[in-house]
Amino acid sequence: MYFAALLARTEDGWEASDTELDDVETLSDLTELAREASVDDDTVIVFIEQEDAWFGIVRVEGEDDPRIYVSDGAAAARSSYGEILTKELLGDVQEDDGPDLDALDLDGTEDGEPDEDDDEEESAVVAEAVPAEPVGDRLILADLGLSQKELMALDTDALSEIADALGAAEVLEAVR
């Protein structure tokens, strides 16, 4: 189960909105969603959390490239929305670090016929290639009141602690 929210900074403080990620397939889609929530090209923070397995932050400011932080690269890479973020940060694991296991037909199965072992093999490739540690821009929120050390120390209920540091805890809780 995922939770996703947008925090858009305005001259009056932060405005929060719960967001659906159903139509998000790429980082460009996510960035566009954030830019639509922006007021005067100001800062928008996208929070994505998958239960207590991992969380990700995408910071979008105007037309600048998004800045990304993921709390656990390996855990995120095994989930659909986390994969979007880790691919941007680390590249396509299969293309860079090994064969495209979906394209191989070494066991004689017909094209399109799933092989039970493929998912296990693919997970093993991802687990070896993506670090089980934080990845991305560790200073993503430093100028907003959350230091690198504080960000790296977050574990469970991280989004609430981040929102609290930004002064947006109440607005985030309103959309939760």
C-alpha atoms as a PDB file:
ATOM      1  CA  MET A   1       0.000   0.000   0.000  1.00  0.00           C
ATOM      2  CA  TYR A   2       1.310   3.407  -0.987  1.00  0.00           C
ATOM      3  CA  PHE A   3       0.724   6.841   0.432  1.00  0.00           C
ATOM      4  CA  ALA A   4       1.560   9.833  -1.745  1.00  0.00           C
ATOM      5  CA  ALA A   5       1.124  13.523  -1.068  1.00  0.00           C
ATOM      6  CA  LEU A   6       2.202  16.817  -2.575  1.00  0.00           C
ATOM      7  CA  LEU A   7       3.320  19.757  -0.463  1.00  0.00           C
ATOM      8  CA  ALA A   8       3.386  23.015  -2.407  1.00  0.00           C
ATOM      9  CA  ARG A   9       5.007  26.050  -0.828  1.00  0.00           C
ATOM     10  CA  THR A  10       3.050  29.267  -1.088  1.00  0.00           C
ATOM     11  CA  GLU A  11       3.605  32.718   0.371  1.00  0.00           C
ATOM     12  CA  ASP A  12       1.167  31.703   3.152  1.00  0.00           C
ATOM     13  CA  GLY A  13       2.998  28.468   4.004  1.00  0.00           C
ATOM     14  CA  TRP A  14       2.564  24.918   2.744  1.00  0.00           C
ATOM     15  CA  GLU A  15      -0.523  23.502   1.028  1.00  0.00           C
ATOM     16  CA  ALA A  16      -0.924  19.741   1.018  1.00  0.00           C
ATOM     17  CA  SER A  17      -2.886  17.482  -1.246  1.00  0.00           C
ATOM     18  CA  ASP A  18      -3.310  13.744  -1.323  1.00  0.00           C
ATOM     19  CA  THR A  19      -2.407  12.486  -4.765  1.00  0.00           C
ATOM     20  CA  GLU A  20      -3.186   9.440  -6.841  1.00  0.00           C
ATOM     21  CA  LEU A  21      -0.282   7.855  -8.667  1.00  0.00           C
ATOM     22  CA  ASP A  22      -2.423   5.673 -10.938  1.00  0.00           C
ATOM     23  CA  ASP A  23      -1.446   7.613 -14.073  1.00  0.00           C
ATOM     24  CA  VAL A  24       2.229   8.009 -13.108  1.00  0.00           C
ATOM     25  CA  GLU A  25       4.483   5.743 -15.131  1.00  0.00           C
ATOM     26  CA  THR A  26       7.657   7.827 -15.381  1.00  0.00           C
ATOM     27  CA  LEU A  27       9.565  10.459 -13.462  1.00  0.00           C
ATOM     28  CA  SER A  28       8.383  12.962 -16.087  1.00  0.00           C
ATOM     29  CA  ASP A  29       4.760  12.139 -15.194  1.00  0.00           C
ATOM     30  CA  LEU A  30       5.509  12.645 -11.502  1.00  0.00           C
ATOM     31  CA  THR A  31       7.368  15.896 -12.170  1.00  0.00           C
ATOM     32  CA  GLU A  32       4.492  17.227 -14.273  1.00  0.00           C
ATOM     33  CA  LEU A  33       2.038  16.350 -11.503  1.00  0.00           C
ATOM     34  CA  ALA A  34       4.181  18.349  -9.068  1.00  0.00           C
ATOM     35  CA  ARG A  35       4.490  21.322 -11.415  1.00  0.00           C
ATOM     36  CA  GLU A  36       0.698  21.452 -11.784  1.00  0.00           C
ATOM     37  CA  ALA A  37       0.436  21.814  -7.988  1.00  0.00           C
ATOM     38  CA  SER A  38       3.047  24.576  -7.881  1.00  0.00           C
ATOM     39  CA  VAL A  39       2.153  28.153  -7.095  1.00  0.00           C
ATOM     40  CA  ASP A  40       4.336  30.598  -9.055  1.00  0.00           C
ATOM     41  CA  ASP A  41       6.964  27.919  -9.811  1.00  0.00           C
ATOM     42  CA  ASP A  42       7.749  27.624  -6.104  1.00  0.00           C
ATOM     43  CA  THR A  43       8.930  24.472  -4.351  1.00  0.00           C
ATOM     44  CA  VAL A  44       6.806  21.329  -4.456  1.00  0.00           C
ATOM     45  CA  ILE A  45       7.731  18.270  -2.429  1.00  0.00           C
ATOM     46  CA  VAL A  46       6.303  14.899  -3.486  1.00  0.00           C
ATOM     47  CA  PHE A  47       6.202  12.285  -0.730  1.00  0.00           C
ATOM     48  CA  ILE A  48       5.831   8.624  -1.598  1.00  0.00           C
ATOM     49  CA  GLU A  49       5.806   5.953   1.073  1.00  0.00           C
ATOM     50  CA  GLN A  50       5.266   2.218   0.824  1.00  0.00           C
ATOM     51  CA  GLU A  51       4.115   1.119   4.261  1.00  0.00           C
ATOM     52  CA  ASP A  52       7.273   1.063   6.369  1.00  0.00           C
ATOM     53  CA  ALA A  53       9.493  -0.464   3.662  1.00  0.00           C
ATOM     54  CA  TRP A  54      10.794   2.759   2.095  1.00  0.00           C
ATOM     55  CA  PHE A  55       9.986   6.392   1.385  1.00  0.00           C
ATOM     56  CA  GLY A  56      10.946   8.730  -1.391  1.00  0.00           C
ATOM     57  CA  ILE A  57      11.056  12.486  -1.801  1.00  0.00           C
ATOM     58  CA  VAL A  58      11.009  14.335  -5.093  1.00  0.00           C
ATOM     59  CA  ARG A  59      11.623  18.069  -4.980  1.00  0.00           C
ATOM     60  CA  VAL A  60      10.530  20.133  -7.958  1.00  0.00           C
ATOM     61  CA  GLU A  61      11.249  23.833  -8.367  1.00  0.00           C
ATOM     62  CA  GLY A  62      10.111  25.579 -11.530  1.00  0.00           C
ATOM     63  CA  GLU A  63      11.647  24.069 -14.631  1.00  0.00           C
ATOM     64  CA  ASP A  64      14.738  22.742 -12.806  1.00  0.00           C
ATOM     65  CA  ASP A  65      15.430  19.023 -12.915  1.00  0.00           C
ATOM     66  CA  PRO A  66      13.786  17.214  -9.996  1.00  0.00           C
ATOM     67  CA  ARG A  67      15.897  16.280  -7.008  1.00  0.00           C
ATOM     68  CA  ILE A  68      15.311  12.788  -5.600  1.00  0.00           C
ATOM     69  CA  TYR A  69      15.999  10.948  -2.363  1.00  0.00           C
ATOM     70  CA  VAL A  70      15.020   7.335  -1.567  1.00  0.00           C
ATOM     71  CA  SER A  71      15.450   5.861   1.923  1.00  0.00           C
ATOM     72  CA  ASP A  72      16.233   2.288   0.772  1.00  0.00           C
ATOM     73  CA  GLY A  73      17.241   1.771  -2.841  1.00  0.00           C
ATOM     74  CA  ALA A  74      16.839  -2.014  -2.904  1.00  0.00           C
ATOM     75  CA  ALA A  75      13.386  -2.007  -1.291  1.00  0.00           C
ATOM     76  CA  ALA A  76      12.200   0.804  -3.560  1.00  0.00           C
ATOM     77  CA  ALA A  77      13.552  -0.892  -6.702  1.00  0.00           C
ATOM     78  CA  ARG A  78      11.250  -3.844  -6.018  1.00  0.00           C
ATOM     79  CA  SER A  79       8.121  -1.660  -6.119  1.00  0.00           C
ATOM     80  CA  SER A  80       6.519   0.026  -9.101  1.00  0.00           C
ATOM     81  CA  TYR A  81       6.746   3.652  -7.948  1.00  0.00           C
ATOM     82  CA  GLY A  82      10.083   3.163  -6.240  1.00  0.00           C
ATOM     83  CA  GLU A  83      11.474   1.698  -9.428  1.00  0.00           C
ATOM     84  CA  ILE A  84      10.687   4.978 -11.205  1.00  0.00           C
ATOM     85  CA  LEU A  85      12.864   6.834  -8.696  1.00  0.00           C
ATOM     86  CA  THR A  86      15.719   4.332  -8.481  1.00  0.00           C
ATOM     87  CA  LYS A  87      15.943   4.036 -12.273  1.00  0.00           C
ATOM     88  CA  GLU A  88      16.444   7.788 -12.437  1.00  0.00           C
ATOM     89  CA  LEU A  89      19.094   7.691  -9.724  1.00  0.00           C
ATOM     90  CA  LEU A  90      20.914   4.510 -10.678  1.00  0.00           C
ATOM     91  CA  GLY A  91      19.954   3.818 -14.281  1.00  0.00           C
ATOM     92  CA  ASP A  92      18.241   0.673 -15.514  1.00  0.00           C
ATOM     93  CA  VAL A  93      19.765  -2.108 -13.414  1.00  0.00           C
ATOM     94  CA  GLN A  94      19.193  -4.813 -15.996  1.00  0.00           C
ATOM     95  CA  GLU A  95      20.617  -2.810 -18.902  1.00  0.00           C
ATOM     96  CA  ASP A  96      23.674  -1.702 -16.965  1.00  0.00           C
ATOM     97  CA  ASP A  97      24.421  -4.655 -14.727  1.00  0.00           C
ATOM     98  CA  GLY A  98      23.181  -7.777 -16.399  1.00  0.00           C
ATOM     99  CA  PRO A  99      21.087  -9.370 -19.071  1.00  0.00           C
ATOM    100  CA  ASP A 100      17.464  -8.502 -19.682  1.00  0.00           C
ATOM    101  CA  LEU A 101      16.012 -11.589 -18.072  1.00  0.00           C
ATOM    102  CA  ASP A 102      12.615 -11.051 -19.679  1.00  0.00           C
ATOM    103  CA  ALA A 103      14.158 -11.277 -23.139  1.00  0.00           C
ATOM    104  CA  LEU A 104      15.964 -14.553 -22.475  1.00  0.00           C
ATOM    105  CA  ASP A 105      14.254 -17.823 -23.368  1.00  0.00           C
ATOM    106  CA  LEU A 106      16.771 -20.266 -22.014  1.00  0.00           C
ATOM    107  CA  ASP A 107      14.330 -22.710 -20.476  1.00  0.00           C
ATOM    108  CA  GLY A 108      12.267 -23.511 -23.550  1.00  0.00           C
ATOM    109  CA  THR A 109       9.097 -21.690 -22.517  1.00  0.00           C
ATOM    110  CA  GLU A 110       7.030 -20.142 -25.262  1.00  0.00           C
ATOM    111  CA  ASP A 111       7.158 -16.392 -25.826  1.00  0.00           C
ATOM    112  CA  GLY A 112       4.754 -14.722 -23.455  1.00  0.00           C
ATOM    113  CA  GLU A 113       4.493 -17.773 -21.215  1.00  0.00           C
ATOM    114  CA  PRO A 114       5.643 -16.776 -17.728  1.00  0.00           C
ATOM    115  CA  ASP A 115       8.319 -18.755 -15.998  1.00  0.00           C
ATOM    116  CA  GLU A 116       8.010 -18.960 -12.214  1.00  0.00           C
ATOM    117  CA  ASP A 117      11.763 -18.595 -11.761  1.00  0.00           C
ATOM    118  CA  ASP A 118      11.994 -15.325 -13.755  1.00  0.00           C
ATOM    119  CA  ASP A 119      10.680 -13.165 -10.914  1.00  0.00           C
ATOM    120  CA  GLU A 120      13.128 -14.732  -8.460  1.00  0.00           C
ATOM    121  CA  GLU A 121      16.059 -14.295 -10.871  1.00  0.00           C
ATOM    122  CA  GLU A 122      15.091 -10.704 -11.631  1.00  0.00           C
ATOM    123  CA  SER A 123      14.784  -9.893  -7.911  1.00  0.00           C
ATOM    124  CA  ALA A 124      18.240 -11.369  -7.338  1.00  0.00           C
ATOM    125  CA  VAL A 125      19.726  -9.140 -10.062  1.00  0.00           C
ATOM    126  CA  VAL A 126      18.015  -6.067  -8.591  1.00  0.00           C
ATOM    127  CA  ALA A 127      19.078  -6.969  -5.038  1.00  0.00           C
ATOM    128  CA  GLU A 128      22.726  -7.311  -6.101  1.00  0.00           C
ATOM    129  CA  ALA A 129      22.806  -4.110  -8.146  1.00  0.00           C
ATOM    130  CA  VAL A 130      20.791  -1.673  -6.018  1.00  0.00           C
ATOM    131  CA  PRO A 131      22.150  -0.801  -2.589  1.00  0.00           C
ATOM    132  CA  ALA A 132      19.969  -1.487   0.451  1.00  0.00           C
ATOM    133  CA  GLU A 133      20.726   1.984   1.726  1.00  0.00           C
ATOM    134  CA  PRO A 134      19.664   5.555   1.046  1.00  0.00           C
ATOM    135  CA  VAL A 135      20.271   6.795  -2.496  1.00  0.00           C
ATOM    136  CA  GLY A 136      19.942  10.189  -4.072  1.00  0.00           C
ATOM    137  CA  ASP A 137      20.296  13.787  -2.946  1.00  0.00           C
ATOM    138  CA  ARG A 138      20.858  13.682   0.802  1.00  0.00           C
ATOM    139  CA  LEU A 139      20.765  17.493   1.019  1.00  0.00           C
ATOM    140  CA  ILE A 140      17.350  17.659  -0.662  1.00  0.00           C
ATOM    141  CA  LEU A 141      15.706  19.321   2.360  1.00  0.00           C
ATOM    142  CA  ALA A 142      18.720  20.907   4.093  1.00  0.00           C
ATOM    143  CA  ASP A 143      17.738  24.466   3.145  1.00  0.00           C
ATOM    144  CA  LEU A 144      14.188  23.813   4.376  1.00  0.00           C
ATOM    145  CA  GLY A 145      15.187  22.754   7.885  1.00  0.00           C
ATOM    146  CA  LEU A 146      16.035  19.038   7.675  1.00  0.00           C
ATOM    147  CA  SER A 147      19.762  18.295   7.644  1.00  0.00           C
ATOM    148  CA  GLN A 148      21.402  15.376   5.882  1.00  0.00           C
ATOM    149  CA  LYS A 149      22.088  13.713   9.239  1.00  0.00           C
ATOM    150  CA  GLU A 150      18.442  14.046  10.316  1.00  0.00           C
ATOM    151  CA  LEU A 151      17.170  12.756   6.961  1.00  0.00           C
ATOM    152  CA  MET A 152      19.468   9.726   7.068  1.00  0.00           C
ATOM    153  CA  ALA A 153      18.315   8.893  10.624  1.00  0.00           C
ATOM    154  CA  LEU A 154      14.621   8.689   9.674  1.00  0.00           C
ATOM    155  CA  ASP A 155      12.988   5.284   9.659  1.00  0.00           C
ATOM    156  CA  THR A 156       9.319   4.673  10.421  1.00  0.00           C
ATOM    157  CA  ASP A 157       6.796   7.499  10.125  1.00  0.00           C
ATOM    158  CA  ALA A 158       9.427   9.484   8.234  1.00  0.00           C
ATOM    159  CA  LEU A 159       6.969  11.595   6.275  1.00  0.00           C
ATOM    160  CA  SER A 160       5.407  12.992   9.439  1.00  0.00           C
ATOM    161  CA  GLU A 161       8.839  13.891  10.805  1.00  0.00           C
ATOM    162  CA  ILE A 162       9.820  15.535   7.516  1.00  0.00           C
ATOM    163  CA  ALA A 163       6.586  17.525   7.398  1.00  0.00           C
ATOM    164  CA  ASP A 164       7.140  18.582  11.009  1.00  0.00           C
ATOM    165  CA  ALA A 165      10.647  19.854  10.180  1.00  0.00           C
ATOM    166  CA  LEU A 166       9.223  21.815   7.235  1.00  0.00           C
ATOM    167  CA  GLY A 167       6.463  23.290   9.369  1.00  0.00           C
ATOM    168  CA  ALA A 168       3.818  21.417   7.398  1.00  0.00           C
ATOM    169  CA  ALA A 169       2.796  18.661   9.802  1.00  0.00           C
ATOM    170  CA  GLU A 170      -0.778  19.870  10.230  1.00  0.00           C
ATOM    171  CA  VAL A 171      -1.465  20.209   6.507  1.00  0.00           C
ATOM    172  CA  LEU A 172       0.047  16.794   5.774  1.00  0.00           C
ATOM    173  CA  GLU A 173      -2.025  15.137   8.504  1.00  0.00           C
ATOM    174  CA  ALA A 174      -5.146  16.747   7.048  1.00  0.00           C
ATOM    175  CA  VAL A 175      -4.671  14.770   3.810  1.00  0.00           C
ATOM    176  CA  ARG A 176      -3.633  11.525   5.505  1.00  0.00           C
END
